[in-house]
Protein backbone atom coordinates (compact mmCIF):
# COMPACT_ATOMS: atom_id res chain seq x y z
CA MET A 1 -12.80 64.67 -29.99
CA ASP A 2 -10.94 66.92 -27.63
CA THR A 3 -8.20 64.57 -26.54
CA ARG A 4 -6.24 65.69 -23.49
CA ARG A 5 -2.51 65.22 -23.99
CA ILE A 6 0.01 65.44 -21.15
CA VAL A 7 3.67 65.66 -22.20
CA THR A 8 6.61 65.19 -19.86
CA GLY A 9 10.19 66.27 -20.28
CA HIS A 10 13.15 67.59 -18.31
CA ASN A 11 14.07 70.95 -16.84
CA ALA A 12 17.55 72.51 -17.07
CA ALA A 13 18.65 70.51 -14.01
CA GLY A 14 17.58 67.25 -15.67
CA LYS A 15 14.57 66.71 -13.41
CA SER A 16 11.31 65.33 -14.77
CA VAL A 17 8.66 67.98 -15.39
CA PHE A 18 5.30 68.37 -17.07
CA VAL A 19 5.99 70.23 -20.30
CA SER A 20 2.37 70.64 -21.36
CA ASP A 21 -1.19 69.67 -20.53
CA THR A 22 -3.34 70.62 -23.51
CA THR A 23 -5.65 69.18 -26.11
CA THR A 24 -4.13 67.49 -29.13
CA PRO A 25 -3.44 70.19 -31.74
CA ARG A 26 -4.40 68.20 -34.86
CA ASN A 27 -7.97 67.19 -34.05
CA HIS A 28 -10.35 67.19 -36.99
CA LYS A 29 -14.11 66.62 -37.05
CA PHE A 30 -14.98 65.91 -40.66
CA THR A 31 -17.69 67.99 -42.29
CA HIS A 32 -18.19 65.73 -45.32
CA VAL A 33 -18.16 62.46 -43.36
CA PRO A 34 -20.29 63.20 -40.29
CA GLY A 35 -19.03 61.44 -37.18
CA PHE A 36 -15.54 60.80 -38.55
CA GLU A 37 -12.90 62.34 -36.28
CA THR A 38 -9.12 62.12 -36.26
CA ALA A 39 -6.43 63.25 -33.84
CA LEU A 40 -2.69 63.11 -34.41
CA VAL A 41 -1.54 62.94 -30.80
CA TRP A 42 2.25 62.69 -31.17
CA GLY A 43 4.97 61.69 -33.57
CA THR A 44 8.67 61.06 -33.70
CA GLU A 45 11.00 61.27 -36.66
CA PRO A 46 13.70 58.71 -37.49
CA GLY A 47 16.58 58.87 -35.01
CA ALA A 48 14.48 60.50 -32.29
CA ALA A 49 16.24 60.93 -28.96
CA VAL A 50 15.18 61.71 -25.41
CA PRO A 51 14.73 64.21 -24.10
CA GLY A 52 12.72 65.17 -27.17
CA VAL A 53 13.19 68.20 -29.34
CA ALA A 54 11.50 71.49 -28.56
CA GLY A 55 8.13 72.15 -30.14
CA ASP A 56 5.15 69.98 -30.86
CA PRO A 57 5.89 67.15 -33.29
CA ALA A 58 2.18 66.45 -33.82
CA ALA A 59 1.60 70.03 -34.97
CA GLN A 60 4.72 70.00 -37.16
CA ALA A 61 4.41 66.57 -38.86
CA ALA A 62 3.99 66.90 -42.61
CA SER A 63 2.62 63.34 -42.93
CA TRP A 64 0.41 61.15 -40.77
CA VAL A 65 2.45 58.17 -42.00
CA PRO A 66 5.93 58.03 -40.49
CA GLU A 67 9.13 57.43 -42.39
CA ARG A 68 11.12 54.29 -41.57
CA GLY A 69 12.08 54.55 -37.90
CA GLY A 70 9.54 57.28 -37.13
CA THR A 71 6.27 56.92 -35.24
CA ARG A 72 2.78 58.38 -35.15
CA PHE A 73 0.20 58.11 -32.38
CA LEU A 74 -3.39 58.55 -33.63
CA VAL A 75 -6.90 58.34 -32.23
CA VAL A 76 -9.64 57.85 -34.83
CA THR A 77 -13.41 57.68 -34.47
CA PHE A 78 -15.11 55.87 -37.34
CA PRO A 79 -18.79 56.65 -37.93
CA PRO A 80 -21.14 53.86 -38.99
CA ASP A 81 -20.67 52.93 -42.66
CA SER A 82 -24.09 54.44 -43.31
CA ALA A 83 -22.45 57.92 -43.05
CA THR A 84 -21.00 57.43 -46.52
CA GLY A 85 -24.07 55.66 -47.86
CA SER A 86 -26.50 58.54 -47.63
CA PRO A 87 -27.80 60.10 -50.88
CA ASP A 88 -26.24 63.48 -50.05
CA PHE A 89 -22.74 62.03 -49.48
CA ASP A 90 -20.22 63.79 -51.75
CA PRO A 91 -17.17 61.55 -52.25
CA ALA A 92 -15.17 64.30 -54.00
CA ALA A 93 -15.69 66.76 -51.14
CA ALA A 94 -14.89 64.02 -48.61
CA GLY A 95 -11.73 63.14 -50.55
CA ASN A 96 -10.59 66.75 -50.56
CA GLU A 97 -11.21 67.00 -46.82
CA TYR A 98 -9.18 63.80 -46.22
CA MET A 99 -6.27 65.28 -48.20
CA GLN A 100 -6.28 68.37 -45.99
CA ALA A 101 -6.90 66.64 -42.65
CA VAL A 102 -4.72 63.52 -42.90
CA PRO A 103 -1.89 64.29 -45.36
CA GLY A 104 0.35 61.38 -46.22
CA LEU A 105 -2.35 58.89 -45.28
CA ALA A 106 -5.13 60.14 -47.55
CA GLU A 107 -3.00 59.54 -50.64
CA ARG A 108 -2.78 55.85 -49.81
CA PHE A 109 -6.52 55.20 -50.04
CA GLU A 110 -7.61 53.30 -53.15
CA MET A 111 -10.18 55.05 -55.33
CA GLU A 112 -11.52 51.77 -56.77
CA SER A 113 -11.86 50.16 -53.31
CA PRO A 114 -13.04 52.83 -50.84
CA GLY A 115 -11.37 52.58 -47.46
CA MET A 116 -8.69 50.13 -48.59
CA HIS A 117 -5.12 51.32 -48.07
CA THR A 118 -1.58 50.11 -47.44
CA THR A 119 1.23 51.77 -45.51
CA ASP A 120 4.86 50.79 -44.97
CA THR A 121 4.32 50.62 -41.22
CA VAL A 122 3.84 48.20 -38.38
CA ASP A 123 0.68 49.37 -36.64
CA TYR A 124 -0.47 48.64 -33.13
CA ALA A 125 -4.20 49.27 -32.90
CA MET A 126 -6.65 48.94 -30.02
CA LEU A 127 -10.41 49.38 -30.13
CA LEU A 128 -11.39 51.73 -27.31
CA ALA A 129 -15.14 52.02 -27.91
CA GLY A 130 -17.77 50.49 -30.19
CA GLU A 131 -17.17 47.66 -32.61
CA ILE A 132 -15.45 47.56 -35.96
CA HIS A 133 -14.42 45.06 -38.63
CA LEU A 134 -10.92 44.79 -40.08
CA GLU A 135 -11.14 43.85 -43.75
CA LEU A 136 -8.17 42.43 -45.67
CA ASP A 137 -7.70 41.29 -49.26
CA ASP A 138 -10.54 39.38 -50.95
CA GLY A 139 -13.06 40.56 -48.34
CA LEU A 140 -11.52 38.50 -45.52
CA SER A 141 -12.79 40.18 -42.34
CA THR A 142 -12.80 39.89 -38.56
CA ARG A 143 -14.91 41.72 -35.97
CA LEU A 144 -13.17 43.57 -33.15
CA ALA A 145 -14.70 44.26 -29.74
CA VAL A 146 -13.59 46.79 -27.12
CA ASN A 147 -10.01 46.14 -25.92
CA ASP A 148 -9.16 43.92 -28.90
CA ILE A 149 -5.70 44.63 -30.29
CA VAL A 150 -4.43 44.29 -33.86
CA VAL A 151 -0.79 44.16 -34.92
CA GLN A 152 -0.86 45.11 -38.57
CA GLN A 153 2.28 44.42 -40.58
CA GLY A 154 1.98 46.54 -43.71
CA THR A 155 -1.10 44.70 -45.01
CA ARG A 156 -3.70 46.10 -47.37
CA HIS A 157 -6.78 46.74 -45.26
CA ALA A 158 -9.86 48.81 -44.45
CA TRP A 159 -11.81 49.53 -41.29
CA ARG A 160 -15.56 48.91 -41.61
CA ASN A 161 -18.10 50.02 -39.03
CA HIS A 162 -21.20 47.91 -39.73
CA SER A 163 -22.85 48.99 -36.46
CA THR A 164 -25.09 51.97 -35.77
CA ALA A 165 -22.69 53.61 -33.27
CA PRO A 166 -19.24 55.21 -33.65
CA ALA A 167 -16.09 53.14 -33.05
CA THR A 168 -12.96 54.76 -31.58
CA MET A 169 -9.50 53.30 -32.06
CA LEU A 170 -6.02 54.12 -30.86
CA PHE A 171 -3.17 53.55 -33.34
CA VAL A 172 0.60 53.62 -33.05
CA LEU A 173 2.26 53.53 -36.48
CA ILE A 174 5.94 52.65 -36.73
CA GLY A 175 7.60 53.40 -40.05
CA ALA A 176 9.18 50.32 -41.61
CA GLU A 177 10.89 49.26 -44.80
CA ARG A 178 8.85 46.99 -47.06
CA SER A 179 10.72 43.82 -48.00
CA ALA A 180 10.69 42.65 -51.60
């Protein structure tokens, strides 16, 4: 997924300018999960100010999960679940690729419940293409259609694509503090 990203900022006189018009630097098309693609579009760290700091925060972010007060903007394409159900699927190789491609997020996936994970974030998610199911604890699930929006508040969940076509979602993660 070659996502075009336009970034604005200010020149020395304080006027609005286009800082860049490029593709997102952290795009990844997975080898071991065909059809799975991720893009870290942008991020801010706690205490971010405008105008933003120099450089590309998406390229520099150590983790795809923001600290409390930070943000991450992601676009993810989920292949049909059948991509991980084929006889030649190698979960160890896929796991290693996840660790390299989506650091900070990969570590939160549960080995005993594939796909399930929890983050200390409030997530805004919108389905851009396809259809997908959001699964919560105890198998509770709901189907999303294009333009459906989810506000996820630090819940344990997984995204399941039961269809035969890819599903693409936009996510904004906002780092939060988990209450007791």
